[in-house]
Amino acid sequence: MKIMGQVTRILRSAWRITRLGLVLLGAGFMLGGAAVPPGGLPAQVRARTREIAFDFSAWTAEAAFAKLSGWALSMERFLAPQTGPALVLETLEQIRLVRQLQTELLLIVSDPAVEDPQAAAGPVRQSLGDAQARLDALTPLAESVLQAQLTDILADAGLDFMGQVIPPTLFRTTDVPMSLVISPRERIERSFDVSLHAGLSAEVMAALEDQIFADLDQASLVVPVGGIGIYPTMVMQSTNIVWLTEVIAHEWVHNFLTLRPLGINYGTSETLRTINETTATLAGVELGLMILEKYYPEHVPPEVHLAQTDALPPRPEPEPDPDAFDFRAEMRITRVEVDRLLAEGQIEEAEHYMEARRQLFWQHGFPIRKINQAYFAFYGAYNDGPGGGAAGEDPVGPAVVAYRERFDHLSDFLRSIAWVNSFEDLMALLTA
């Protein structure tokens, strides 16, 4: 036992020395991946987005320094077990308060009935400043608590190596960049994407998309994203603990896969990207639920409690409303028809059809800004739900879901699918 204790201490010391290298190595991978060829379509798009492109190098350097500082102190270790979850929830409430005060301030300064908006806004502006200062103080510690909770859950799930989770679960809440997705007009394919400043106006987004269409004859779409799996991970600020735990786990899975063939080859084909995203989505949901069950049981969704309660009789499935608008089913119909039209070379007909379908979705309460080839190239990769949705008849996502069902343990599934290099590899595993 004494020898084992010495070995453990040596390993922990070695890990403390090397974890700085892991952070810097992760940042290096990200920065290296940002390089593009000097010419061609990517360069032409980047020339048109230079003024609004997101600066990952500056963000990563600042975030890595902040995380290293917090990691070295590891203040979350000194909190009582019940204090950590309470602090995280308090931080989410503080985010809600800041947003509420921001809305109040906007209404006051915009109200034509207010004679002196600046004077009337004074107390609210002061409260907003105090609330923002409190939020800024809470956020780093809340992130550290969530990082520790995710680390604990990953170890419970068997996703550690000799007691250490690799890569470490570093993330930072921030204004996540928007993504400009480019697709050829003649087919649905995510050629590449460019990260842009967060919070661009609808006018700026539409003007950029129109310019790329007119100048380069490419379909494009600026889309919001909830997180980006660089290192440290970028995660959008949220008041929803269910969404937050799922996303931080989802982005960690991307970083886990980046050290293995499936992640290394993420950008080499649409198929591998879909396998990667569907895998991360499935695992993110499972790991997020594990965090909730252990640390935030009162926030576990009610439907999960019902599914896990054997003592309760099963509830009969409600009869489907034949008149209800089924978003996923209608989006699947749209994708299938667009695929058919493009395969026949009817590009303009496909684009007119997508616009007509967008108006249909809008009429039924789904205010989609634009549906085009880039829309399906982006959203079609997230293919973990039934019915296909934006993925249409793409068999890749359902194959990943079917493969997950082969395993009792998430860790075994992730370690197996991480070595997949093609759809043929996945199908060979499924039929073995």
Foldseek 3Di string as FASTA:
>chain_A
DVVVVVVLVVVVVVCVVCLLVQLVVLLVVVVVVVDDDCDDDVVVLCVVAVVFFDDSNVVSVVQSVLVVVCVVVLVVVVDDQQVLLVLLLVLLVLVVVLVVLVVVLVCQLPDPVRPDSVVVNVVSVVVNVVSVVVNVVSQVSNQSSLQVLLQVLCVVLVCADSSHHPPRLAEHADQFFWKKFKDALLAQARPDITTGHHPDDPVVQVVSQVCCCVPVVIGIGTGDDQWDLGVVIYGHDHSQLLVVQLVSQLSVLLVVLCVFQLNVCCPVGLLSVLLSNQLSNVRSNVSSLVSCVVRPVVNRDPVVVVVPDPVDDDDDDDDDDPPQDDQQQLQLVLQVVLNVCSVVVNSVVNQVSQVVSCVVCVVNPNNDPGDGSRVLNPVQSNQQDPRSRSVHPDCSSVLLNLQCVVDPGSSVSSVVCSHDNGSVSSVVSNVD
